[in-house]
Amino acid sequence: MPVSADPDPLWPPTDPLTASIQARLFALSRLIDAEISRIASENGLNPGELVILGALKRMGPPHQSTASDLLRLHWVSMPGLMKQLARLEEQALVQRETDPEDRRRTLVRLTRKAHGLFSRLERRPQDRLFTAISSLPLETRRRIHGALGELMDIARPELRKDD
């Protein structure tokens, strides 16, 4: 159903196109949340922990990051992130160590056990949304990625940084 881009004077302060985008993002976020929650639960994790592991995995070898950089990607408070990192460390899924280049920083790295978890997950059938996104042409995926990045920058400017 087409949505008008013109603001509706009877529906201030929201225009129908913005409301439609927000509704679609909400519906997609529910699908994503349900899938992440299911996979996390099946593997003894909570959704936030699985997201942290996924962020480290996407960073490529050596699959490490600082806590500050993870915070920018994860949208939680530093105490909340540290609690999740501690739990992941207790499960031997991440290792924390002092950054040799800057002793004030801590590096977080995936362990062999975490790589094993991802090996198992990669052999599973992909969820519907991942398959749907993957089926889009590369240029469409790049446009969506860029637009969502812009939206995140506006929504949370204090976390602005390329991922």
C-alpha atoms as a PDB file:
ATOM      1  CA  MET A   1       0.000   0.000   0.000  1.00  0.00           C
ATOM      2  CA  PRO A   2       1.548   3.352  -1.021  1.00  0.00           C
ATOM      3  CA  VAL A   3       2.139   5.882   1.721  1.00  0.00           C
ATOM      4  CA  SER A   4       2.025   9.598   1.065  1.00  0.00           C
ATOM      5  CA  ALA A   5       5.200  11.545   1.762  1.00  0.00           C
ATOM      6  CA  ASP A   6       3.170  14.675   2.464  1.00  0.00           C
ATOM      7  CA  PRO A   7       2.518  15.501   6.118  1.00  0.00           C
ATOM      8  CA  ASP A   8      -1.120  15.073   7.114  1.00  0.00           C
ATOM      9  CA  PRO A   9      -2.375  18.194   8.896  1.00  0.00           C
ATOM     10  CA  LEU A  10      -4.883  16.031  10.779  1.00  0.00           C
ATOM     11  CA  TRP A  11      -2.149  13.886  12.261  1.00  0.00           C
ATOM     12  CA  PRO A  12       0.435  16.240  13.788  1.00  0.00           C
ATOM     13  CA  PRO A  13       3.269  16.068  14.545  1.00  0.00           C
ATOM     14  CA  THR A  14       3.871  12.889  12.539  1.00  0.00           C
ATOM     15  CA  ASP A  15       3.682  12.399   8.810  1.00  0.00           C
ATOM     16  CA  PRO A  16       2.321   9.072   7.481  1.00  0.00           C
ATOM     17  CA  LEU A  17       5.559   8.078   5.727  1.00  0.00           C
ATOM     18  CA  THR A  18       7.605   8.491   8.917  1.00  0.00           C
ATOM     19  CA  ALA A  19       4.960   6.575  10.879  1.00  0.00           C
ATOM     20  CA  SER A  20       5.018   3.782   8.289  1.00  0.00           C
ATOM     21  CA  ILE A  21       8.827   3.531   8.420  1.00  0.00           C
ATOM     22  CA  GLN A  22       8.690   3.422  12.202  1.00  0.00           C
ATOM     23  CA  ALA A  23       6.028   0.680  12.119  1.00  0.00           C
ATOM     24  CA  ARG A  24       8.088  -1.389   9.681  1.00  0.00           C
ATOM     25  CA  LEU A  25      11.240  -0.984  11.779  1.00  0.00           C
ATOM     26  CA  PHE A  26       9.256  -2.040  14.850  1.00  0.00           C
ATOM     27  CA  ALA A  27       7.926  -5.158  13.092  1.00  0.00           C
ATOM     28  CA  LEU A  28      11.410  -6.074  11.879  1.00  0.00           C
ATOM     29  CA  SER A  29      12.902  -5.473  15.324  1.00  0.00           C
ATOM     30  CA  ARG A  30      10.391  -7.907  16.815  1.00  0.00           C
ATOM     31  CA  LEU A  31      11.401 -10.587  14.289  1.00  0.00           C
ATOM     32  CA  ILE A  32      15.090  -9.967  14.984  1.00  0.00           C
ATOM     33  CA  ASP A  33      14.581  -9.954  18.754  1.00  0.00           C
ATOM     34  CA  ALA A  34      12.636 -13.220  18.653  1.00  0.00           C
ATOM     35  CA  GLU A  35      15.316 -14.957  16.577  1.00  0.00           C
ATOM     36  CA  ILE A  36      18.212 -13.656  18.674  1.00  0.00           C
ATOM     37  CA  SER A  37      16.380 -14.619  21.881  1.00  0.00           C
ATOM     38  CA  ARG A  38      15.714 -18.140  20.580  1.00  0.00           C
ATOM     39  CA  ILE A  39      19.314 -18.729  19.449  1.00  0.00           C
ATOM     40  CA  ALA A  40      20.730 -17.229  22.649  1.00  0.00           C
ATOM     41  CA  SER A  41      18.474 -19.360  24.850  1.00  0.00           C
ATOM     42  CA  GLU A  42      19.405 -22.540  22.954  1.00  0.00           C
ATOM     43  CA  ASN A  43      23.058 -21.771  23.709  1.00  0.00           C
ATOM     44  CA  GLY A  44      22.821 -20.738  27.374  1.00  0.00           C
ATOM     45  CA  LEU A  45      23.175 -17.032  26.646  1.00  0.00           C
ATOM     46  CA  ASN A  46      21.015 -13.970  26.913  1.00  0.00           C
ATOM     47  CA  PRO A  47      20.317 -11.916  23.767  1.00  0.00           C
ATOM     48  CA  GLY A  48      22.754  -9.139  24.715  1.00  0.00           C
ATOM     49  CA  GLU A  49      25.582 -11.636  25.140  1.00  0.00           C
ATOM     50  CA  LEU A  50      24.887 -13.157  21.727  1.00  0.00           C
ATOM     51  CA  VAL A  51      24.895  -9.675  20.169  1.00  0.00           C
ATOM     52  CA  ILE A  52      28.294  -8.918  21.750  1.00  0.00           C
ATOM     53  CA  LEU A  53      29.737 -12.188  20.448  1.00  0.00           C
ATOM     54  CA  GLY A  54      28.289 -11.444  17.007  1.00  0.00           C
ATOM     55  CA  ALA A  55      29.834  -7.978  16.976  1.00  0.00           C
ATOM     56  CA  LEU A  56      33.250  -9.432  17.801  1.00  0.00           C
ATOM     57  CA  LYS A  57      32.851 -12.105  15.124  1.00  0.00           C
ATOM     58  CA  ARG A  58      31.945  -9.511  12.450  1.00  0.00           C
ATOM     59  CA  MET A  59      35.093  -7.536  13.262  1.00  0.00           C
ATOM     60  CA  GLY A  60      37.164 -10.224  11.573  1.00  0.00           C
ATOM     61  CA  PRO A  61      40.461 -11.622  12.787  1.00  0.00           C
ATOM     62  CA  PRO A  62      41.639 -11.318  15.493  1.00  0.00           C
ATOM     63  CA  HIS A  63      37.967 -10.859  16.531  1.00  0.00           C
ATOM     64  CA  GLN A  64      38.731  -8.314  19.216  1.00  0.00           C
ATOM     65  CA  SER A  65      37.634  -4.865  20.261  1.00  0.00           C
ATOM     66  CA  THR A  66      37.845  -2.424  23.109  1.00  0.00           C
ATOM     67  CA  ALA A  67      34.938  -2.208  25.509  1.00  0.00           C
ATOM     68  CA  SER A  68      34.348   1.385  24.342  1.00  0.00           C
ATOM     69  CA  ASP A  69      33.970   0.309  20.728  1.00  0.00           C
ATOM     70  CA  LEU A  70      31.614  -2.503  21.722  1.00  0.00           C
ATOM     71  CA  LEU A  71      29.593   0.014  23.697  1.00  0.00           C
ATOM     72  CA  ARG A  72      29.055   2.097  20.545  1.00  0.00           C
ATOM     73  CA  LEU A  73      27.683  -0.921  18.725  1.00  0.00           C
ATOM     74  CA  HIS A  74      25.659  -2.366  21.580  1.00  0.00           C
ATOM     75  CA  TRP A  75      23.638   0.616  22.894  1.00  0.00           C
ATOM     76  CA  VAL A  76      23.866  -0.264  26.584  1.00  0.00           C
ATOM     77  CA  SER A  77      25.462   1.440  29.550  1.00  0.00           C
ATOM     78  CA  MET A  78      29.098   0.708  30.351  1.00  0.00           C
ATOM     79  CA  PRO A  79      28.132  -1.080  33.606  1.00  0.00           C
ATOM     80  CA  GLY A  80      25.641  -3.199  31.655  1.00  0.00           C
ATOM     81  CA  LEU A  81      28.256  -4.071  29.048  1.00  0.00           C
ATOM     82  CA  MET A  82      30.841  -4.935  31.704  1.00  0.00           C
ATOM     83  CA  LYS A  83      28.343  -7.256  33.415  1.00  0.00           C
ATOM     84  CA  GLN A  84      27.703  -9.072  30.122  1.00  0.00           C
ATOM     85  CA  LEU A  85      31.426  -9.283  29.373  1.00  0.00           C
ATOM     86  CA  ALA A  86      32.061 -10.743  32.834  1.00  0.00           C
ATOM     87  CA  ARG A  87      29.414 -13.404  32.222  1.00  0.00           C
ATOM     88  CA  LEU A  88      30.879 -14.206  28.790  1.00  0.00           C
ATOM     89  CA  GLU A  89      34.330 -14.450  30.359  1.00  0.00           C
ATOM     90  CA  GLU A  90      32.992 -16.830  33.042  1.00  0.00           C
ATOM     91  CA  GLN A  91      31.665 -19.024  30.224  1.00  0.00           C
ATOM     92  CA  ALA A  92      35.095 -18.880  28.508  1.00  0.00           C
ATOM     93  CA  LEU A  93      33.576 -17.246  25.415  1.00  0.00           C
ATOM     94  CA  VAL A  94      35.642 -14.047  25.624  1.00  0.00           C
ATOM     95  CA  GLN A  95      39.009 -13.164  27.046  1.00  0.00           C
ATOM     96  CA  ARG A  96      39.842  -9.715  28.381  1.00  0.00           C
ATOM     97  CA  GLU A  97      43.378  -8.383  28.456  1.00  0.00           C
ATOM     98  CA  THR A  98      45.145  -5.049  28.781  1.00  0.00           C
ATOM     99  CA  ASP A  99      45.854  -3.380  25.454  1.00  0.00           C
ATOM    100  CA  PRO A 100      49.659  -3.530  25.019  1.00  0.00           C
ATOM    101  CA  GLU A 101      49.582  -0.251  23.050  1.00  0.00           C
ATOM    102  CA  ASP A 102      47.536   1.637  25.661  1.00  0.00           C
ATOM    103  CA  ARG A 103      47.522   0.121  29.143  1.00  0.00           C
ATOM    104  CA  ARG A 104      44.415   2.141  30.060  1.00  0.00           C
ATOM    105  CA  ARG A 105      42.299   0.157  27.617  1.00  0.00           C
ATOM    106  CA  THR A 106      41.029  -3.385  27.811  1.00  0.00           C
ATOM    107  CA  LEU A 107      40.755  -5.590  24.741  1.00  0.00           C
ATOM    108  CA  VAL A 108      37.987  -8.160  24.466  1.00  0.00           C
ATOM    109  CA  ARG A 109      38.642 -11.155  22.216  1.00  0.00           C
ATOM    110  CA  LEU A 110      36.671 -14.234  21.184  1.00  0.00           C
ATOM    111  CA  THR A 111      38.013 -17.524  22.523  1.00  0.00           C
ATOM    112  CA  ARG A 112      38.269 -20.886  20.768  1.00  0.00           C
ATOM    113  CA  LYS A 113      35.091 -21.912  22.539  1.00  0.00           C
ATOM    114  CA  ALA A 114      33.272 -18.917  21.004  1.00  0.00           C
ATOM    115  CA  HIS A 115      34.625 -19.804  17.558  1.00  0.00           C
ATOM    116  CA  GLY A 116      33.257 -23.323  18.115  1.00  0.00           C
ATOM    117  CA  LEU A 117      29.868 -21.858  18.960  1.00  0.00           C
ATOM    118  CA  PHE A 118      29.885 -19.868  15.711  1.00  0.00           C
ATOM    119  CA  SER A 119      30.931 -22.947  13.740  1.00  0.00           C
ATOM    120  CA  ARG A 120      27.848 -24.743  15.069  1.00  0.00           C
ATOM    121  CA  LEU A 121      25.598 -21.749  14.396  1.00  0.00           C
ATOM    122  CA  GLU A 122      26.889 -21.346  10.838  1.00  0.00           C
ATOM    123  CA  ARG A 123      25.869 -24.936  10.024  1.00  0.00           C
ATOM    124  CA  ARG A 124      22.258 -24.249  11.020  1.00  0.00           C
ATOM    125  CA  PRO A 125      19.633 -23.080   8.543  1.00  0.00           C
ATOM    126  CA  GLN A 126      19.444 -19.280   8.502  1.00  0.00           C
ATOM    127  CA  ASP A 127      16.375 -17.544   9.909  1.00  0.00           C
ATOM    128  CA  ARG A 128      13.711 -16.077   7.589  1.00  0.00           C
ATOM    129  CA  LEU A 129      14.775 -12.450   7.922  1.00  0.00           C
ATOM    130  CA  PHE A 130      18.467 -13.165   7.287  1.00  0.00           C
ATOM    131  CA  THR A 131      17.509 -15.187   4.220  1.00  0.00           C
ATOM    132  CA  ALA A 132      15.203 -12.399   3.024  1.00  0.00           C
ATOM    133  CA  ILE A 133      17.871  -9.717   3.462  1.00  0.00           C
ATOM    134  CA  SER A 134      20.471 -11.926   1.752  1.00  0.00           C
ATOM    135  CA  SER A 135      18.170 -12.354  -1.238  1.00  0.00           C
ATOM    136  CA  LEU A 136      18.117  -8.596  -1.894  1.00  0.00           C
ATOM    137  CA  PRO A 137      20.512  -7.272  -4.532  1.00  0.00           C
ATOM    138  CA  LEU A 138      23.851  -6.144  -3.087  1.00  0.00           C
ATOM    139  CA  GLU A 139      23.202  -2.486  -3.967  1.00  0.00           C
ATOM    140  CA  THR A 140      19.844  -2.575  -2.137  1.00  0.00           C
ATOM    141  CA  ARG A 141      21.518  -4.068   0.949  1.00  0.00           C
ATOM    142  CA  ARG A 142      24.155  -1.334   0.818  1.00  0.00           C
ATOM    143  CA  ARG A 143      21.470   1.391   0.590  1.00  0.00           C
ATOM    144  CA  ILE A 144      19.561  -0.084   3.530  1.00  0.00           C
ATOM    145  CA  HIS A 145      22.788  -0.387   5.549  1.00  0.00           C
ATOM    146  CA  GLY A 146      23.650   3.257   4.823  1.00  0.00           C
ATOM    147  CA  ALA A 147      20.172   4.549   5.608  1.00  0.00           C
ATOM    148  CA  LEU A 148      19.989   2.618   8.867  1.00  0.00           C
ATOM    149  CA  GLY A 149      23.453   3.914   9.809  1.00  0.00           C
ATOM    150  CA  GLU A 150      22.286   7.491   9.208  1.00  0.00           C
ATOM    151  CA  LEU A 151      19.184   6.867  11.297  1.00  0.00           C
ATOM    152  CA  MET A 152      21.235   5.389  14.144  1.00  0.00           C
ATOM    153  CA  ASP A 153      23.620   8.371  14.027  1.00  0.00           C
ATOM    154  CA  ILE A 154      20.691  10.762  14.378  1.00  0.00           C
ATOM    155  CA  ALA A 155      18.968   8.697  17.064  1.00  0.00           C
ATOM    156  CA  ARG A 156      22.095   8.232  19.164  1.00  0.00           C
ATOM    157  CA  PRO A 157      24.700  10.851  18.134  1.00  0.00           C
ATOM    158  CA  GLU A 158      26.894  10.128  21.168  1.00  0.00           C
ATOM    159  CA  LEU A 159      27.580   6.686  19.705  1.00  0.00           C
ATOM    160  CA  ARG A 160      28.457   7.950  16.227  1.00  0.00           C
ATOM    161  CA  LYS A 161      31.196   5.842  14.701  1.00  0.00           C
ATOM    162  CA  ASP A 162      31.393   3.699  11.593  1.00  0.00           C
ATOM    163  CA  ASP A 163      30.915  -0.028  12.109  1.00  0.00           C
END
